[in-house]
Amino acid sequence: MSSQLAQRELSRIKEWYYHNYPLCLFCGHYVREGDLAHVIRRSYSSEIMTLKLNTGLAHRECHSIYDDCPGQAVYLPRMPEVMYIVYRLDPQYFFRISEKYPLLFPFFERYQEVNMGEIQHHGEILTLQYLIQ
């Protein structure tokens, strides 16, 4: 996909999130103005760059924490769901980055127990907090 086509598709996805699920991918709070964030970095895979499940609205601060500060990112409320999406999209990538989030290991160990069918976007995921209760 050309970069112009990809950018148009990402703009369309961002608008979709604003109209249908305007909550931050990472903290779960309402997003008035924000970024379209990627769960798996855009540079990692052009194949999933425009996949709706790999994207979501995010506050700039939450997006920055996720991208640059894994030690702080574990405290973002939706990180169990975000990492589950990574796990579903690309298990190899998940195992490569999961070591950066040791506080989330109790969740990671239980991901195989989650019985979910097709997921189109991150808003379809009910909270995975129940996994370690």
C-alpha atoms as a PDB file:
ATOM      1  CA  MET A   1       0.000   0.000   0.000  1.00  0.00           C
ATOM      2  CA  SER A   2       1.387   3.390  -0.930  1.00  0.00           C
ATOM      3  CA  SER A   3       2.065   5.846   1.866  1.00  0.00           C
ATOM      4  CA  GLN A   4      -0.686   8.175   0.626  1.00  0.00           C
ATOM      5  CA  LEU A   5      -3.239   5.367   0.615  1.00  0.00           C
ATOM      6  CA  ALA A   6      -2.085   4.250   4.051  1.00  0.00           C
ATOM      7  CA  GLN A   7      -2.379   7.795   5.394  1.00  0.00           C
ATOM      8  CA  ARG A   8      -5.900   8.139   3.993  1.00  0.00           C
ATOM      9  CA  GLU A   9      -6.913   4.833   5.552  1.00  0.00           C
ATOM     10  CA  LEU A  10      -5.432   5.872   8.918  1.00  0.00           C
ATOM     11  CA  SER A  11      -7.349   9.166   8.743  1.00  0.00           C
ATOM     12  CA  ARG A  12     -10.536   7.240   8.033  1.00  0.00           C
ATOM     13  CA  ILE A  13      -9.879   4.924  10.998  1.00  0.00           C
ATOM     14  CA  LYS A  14      -9.185   7.899  13.285  1.00  0.00           C
ATOM     15  CA  GLU A  15     -12.507   9.468  12.304  1.00  0.00           C
ATOM     16  CA  TRP A  16     -14.245   6.148  12.892  1.00  0.00           C
ATOM     17  CA  TYR A  17     -12.846   6.008  16.436  1.00  0.00           C
ATOM     18  CA  TYR A  18     -13.890   9.603  17.143  1.00  0.00           C
ATOM     19  CA  HIS A  19     -17.466   8.784  16.107  1.00  0.00           C
ATOM     20  CA  ASN A  20     -17.788   5.243  17.468  1.00  0.00           C
ATOM     21  CA  TYR A  21     -15.314   4.724  20.298  1.00  0.00           C
ATOM     22  CA  PRO A  22     -13.733   8.018  21.462  1.00  0.00           C
ATOM     23  CA  LEU A  23     -11.891   6.499  24.414  1.00  0.00           C
ATOM     24  CA  CYS A  24      -8.146   6.332  24.939  1.00  0.00           C
ATOM     25  CA  LEU A  25      -6.631   3.024  23.951  1.00  0.00           C
ATOM     26  CA  PHE A  26      -4.313   3.167  26.968  1.00  0.00           C
ATOM     27  CA  CYS A  27      -6.243   4.775  29.842  1.00  0.00           C
ATOM     28  CA  GLY A  28      -9.857   4.298  28.745  1.00  0.00           C
ATOM     29  CA  HIS A  29     -10.883   7.935  29.289  1.00  0.00           C
ATOM     30  CA  TYR A  30     -12.650  10.161  26.764  1.00  0.00           C
ATOM     31  CA  VAL A  31     -10.420  11.664  24.050  1.00  0.00           C
ATOM     32  CA  ARG A  32     -11.367  15.142  22.898  1.00  0.00           C
ATOM     33  CA  GLU A  33      -8.185  15.649  20.865  1.00  0.00           C
ATOM     34  CA  GLY A  34      -5.612  12.972  20.449  1.00  0.00           C
ATOM     35  CA  ASP A  35      -3.461  10.807  18.263  1.00  0.00           C
ATOM     36  CA  LEU A  36      -4.184   7.649  16.371  1.00  0.00           C
ATOM     37  CA  ALA A  37      -1.889   5.275  18.221  1.00  0.00           C
ATOM     38  CA  HIS A  38      -0.614   1.909  17.055  1.00  0.00           C
ATOM     39  CA  VAL A  39      -0.389  -1.077  19.370  1.00  0.00           C
ATOM     40  CA  ILE A  40       2.388  -2.551  17.221  1.00  0.00           C
ATOM     41  CA  ARG A  41       4.630   0.168  15.846  1.00  0.00           C
ATOM     42  CA  ARG A  42       3.988   1.309  12.310  1.00  0.00           C
ATOM     43  CA  SER A  43       7.620   0.730  11.395  1.00  0.00           C
ATOM     44  CA  TYR A  44       7.431  -2.935  12.446  1.00  0.00           C
ATOM     45  CA  SER A  45       4.867  -4.093   9.919  1.00  0.00           C
ATOM     46  CA  SER A  46       3.317  -2.329   6.956  1.00  0.00           C
ATOM     47  CA  GLU A  47       0.829  -5.231   6.715  1.00  0.00           C
ATOM     48  CA  ILE A  48      -0.902  -4.408   9.989  1.00  0.00           C
ATOM     49  CA  MET A  49      -0.272  -0.662  10.011  1.00  0.00           C
ATOM     50  CA  THR A  50      -3.814   0.064   8.759  1.00  0.00           C
ATOM     51  CA  LEU A  51      -5.559  -2.746  10.605  1.00  0.00           C
ATOM     52  CA  LYS A  52      -8.202  -1.208  12.884  1.00  0.00           C
ATOM     53  CA  LEU A  53      -7.388  -3.640  15.707  1.00  0.00           C
ATOM     54  CA  ASN A  54      -3.809  -2.316  15.700  1.00  0.00           C
ATOM     55  CA  THR A  55      -5.003   1.255  16.227  1.00  0.00           C
ATOM     56  CA  GLY A  56      -6.927   3.416  18.643  1.00  0.00           C
ATOM     57  CA  LEU A  57      -7.323   6.968  19.803  1.00  0.00           C
ATOM     58  CA  ALA A  58      -4.958   8.030  22.532  1.00  0.00           C
ATOM     59  CA  HIS A  59      -4.140  11.057  24.592  1.00  0.00           C
ATOM     60  CA  ARG A  60      -0.715  12.338  23.547  1.00  0.00           C
ATOM     61  CA  GLU A  61       0.677  11.768  27.039  1.00  0.00           C
ATOM     62  CA  CYS A  62      -0.615   8.174  27.196  1.00  0.00           C
ATOM     63  CA  HIS A  63       0.714   7.502  23.698  1.00  0.00           C
ATOM     64  CA  SER A  64       4.120   8.894  24.640  1.00  0.00           C
ATOM     65  CA  ILE A  65       4.268   6.798  27.819  1.00  0.00           C
ATOM     66  CA  TYR A  66       3.365   3.642  25.873  1.00  0.00           C
ATOM     67  CA  ASP A  67       5.940   4.299  23.162  1.00  0.00           C
ATOM     68  CA  ASP A  68       8.819   5.526  25.313  1.00  0.00           C
ATOM     69  CA  CYS A  69       8.433   4.437  28.951  1.00  0.00           C
ATOM     70  CA  PRO A  70       7.524   0.757  29.430  1.00  0.00           C
ATOM     71  CA  GLY A  71       8.235   1.028  33.157  1.00  0.00           C
ATOM     72  CA  GLN A  72       5.465   3.618  33.465  1.00  0.00           C
ATOM     73  CA  ALA A  73       3.218   2.114  30.784  1.00  0.00           C
ATOM     74  CA  VAL A  74       2.411  -0.876  32.999  1.00  0.00           C
ATOM     75  CA  TYR A  75       0.343   1.519  35.129  1.00  0.00           C
ATOM     76  CA  LEU A  76      -1.877   2.615  32.240  1.00  0.00           C
ATOM     77  CA  PRO A  77      -5.238   0.986  33.046  1.00  0.00           C
ATOM     78  CA  ARG A  78      -5.773  -0.725  29.689  1.00  0.00           C
ATOM     79  CA  MET A  79      -2.296  -2.243  29.318  1.00  0.00           C
ATOM     80  CA  PRO A  80      -3.548  -5.825  29.858  1.00  0.00           C
ATOM     81  CA  GLU A  81      -5.892  -5.328  26.879  1.00  0.00           C
ATOM     82  CA  VAL A  82      -3.270  -3.547  24.792  1.00  0.00           C
ATOM     83  CA  MET A  83      -0.775  -6.342  25.316  1.00  0.00           C
ATOM     84  CA  TYR A  84      -3.472  -8.923  24.598  1.00  0.00           C
ATOM     85  CA  ILE A  85      -4.014  -7.241  21.227  1.00  0.00           C
ATOM     86  CA  VAL A  86      -0.263  -7.424  20.580  1.00  0.00           C
ATOM     87  CA  TYR A  87      -0.402 -11.112  21.522  1.00  0.00           C
ATOM     88  CA  ARG A  88      -3.303 -11.717  19.118  1.00  0.00           C
ATOM     89  CA  LEU A  89      -1.821  -9.737  16.227  1.00  0.00           C
ATOM     90  CA  ASP A  90       1.747 -11.022  16.319  1.00  0.00           C
ATOM     91  CA  PRO A  91       2.849 -13.525  18.995  1.00  0.00           C
ATOM     92  CA  GLN A  92       6.516 -13.221  17.979  1.00  0.00           C
ATOM     93  CA  TYR A  93       6.461  -9.458  18.478  1.00  0.00           C
ATOM     94  CA  PHE A  94       4.618  -9.950  21.773  1.00  0.00           C
ATOM     95  CA  PHE A  95       7.284 -12.317  23.137  1.00  0.00           C
ATOM     96  CA  ARG A  96       9.991  -9.925  21.983  1.00  0.00           C
ATOM     97  CA  ILE A  97       8.576  -6.963  23.930  1.00  0.00           C
ATOM     98  CA  SER A  98       6.765  -8.655  26.839  1.00  0.00           C
ATOM     99  CA  GLU A  99       9.907  -8.777  28.975  1.00  0.00           C
ATOM    100  CA  LYS A 100       9.677  -4.981  29.295  1.00  0.00           C
ATOM    101  CA  TYR A 101       6.468  -5.385  31.329  1.00  0.00           C
ATOM    102  CA  PRO A 102       7.255  -7.761  34.225  1.00  0.00           C
ATOM    103  CA  LEU A 103       4.369  -6.452  36.343  1.00  0.00           C
ATOM    104  CA  LEU A 104       1.968  -7.719  33.670  1.00  0.00           C
ATOM    105  CA  PHE A 105       3.287 -11.304  33.668  1.00  0.00           C
ATOM    106  CA  PRO A 106       0.273 -12.590  35.679  1.00  0.00           C
ATOM    107  CA  PHE A 107      -1.928 -11.402  32.794  1.00  0.00           C
ATOM    108  CA  PHE A 108       0.352 -12.755  30.093  1.00  0.00           C
ATOM    109  CA  GLU A 109       0.327 -16.226  31.637  1.00  0.00           C
ATOM    110  CA  ARG A 110      -3.456 -16.342  31.298  1.00  0.00           C
ATOM    111  CA  TYR A 111      -3.919 -14.963  27.766  1.00  0.00           C
ATOM    112  CA  GLN A 112      -4.350 -18.444  26.321  1.00  0.00           C
ATOM    113  CA  GLU A 113      -7.402 -18.863  28.575  1.00  0.00           C
ATOM    114  CA  VAL A 114      -9.185 -15.907  26.975  1.00  0.00           C
ATOM    115  CA  ASN A 115     -11.819 -17.299  24.669  1.00  0.00           C
ATOM    116  CA  MET A 116     -12.504 -14.512  22.193  1.00  0.00           C
ATOM    117  CA  GLY A 117     -13.471 -14.830  18.550  1.00  0.00           C
ATOM    118  CA  GLU A 118     -12.760 -12.242  15.912  1.00  0.00           C
ATOM    119  CA  ILE A 119     -12.008  -8.784  17.235  1.00  0.00           C
ATOM    120  CA  GLN A 120     -12.352  -5.872  14.812  1.00  0.00           C
ATOM    121  CA  HIS A 121     -11.215  -3.041  17.097  1.00  0.00           C
ATOM    122  CA  HIS A 122      -9.908  -2.671  20.630  1.00  0.00           C
ATOM    123  CA  GLY A 123     -13.259  -1.341  21.874  1.00  0.00           C
ATOM    124  CA  GLU A 124     -14.729  -4.817  21.500  1.00  0.00           C
ATOM    125  CA  ILE A 125     -12.483  -6.159  24.228  1.00  0.00           C
ATOM    126  CA  LEU A 126     -14.109  -6.252  27.614  1.00  0.00           C
ATOM    127  CA  THR A 127     -11.698  -5.564  30.405  1.00  0.00           C
ATOM    128  CA  LEU A 128      -9.246  -8.372  31.009  1.00  0.00           C
ATOM    129  CA  GLN A 129      -8.729  -7.320  34.626  1.00  0.00           C
ATOM    130  CA  TYR A 130     -10.721 -10.350  35.762  1.00  0.00           C
ATOM    131  CA  LEU A 131      -7.847 -12.606  34.706  1.00  0.00           C
ATOM    132  CA  ILE A 132      -5.891 -12.161  37.916  1.00  0.00           C
ATOM    133  CA  GLN A 133      -8.726 -11.768  40.411  1.00  0.00           C
END
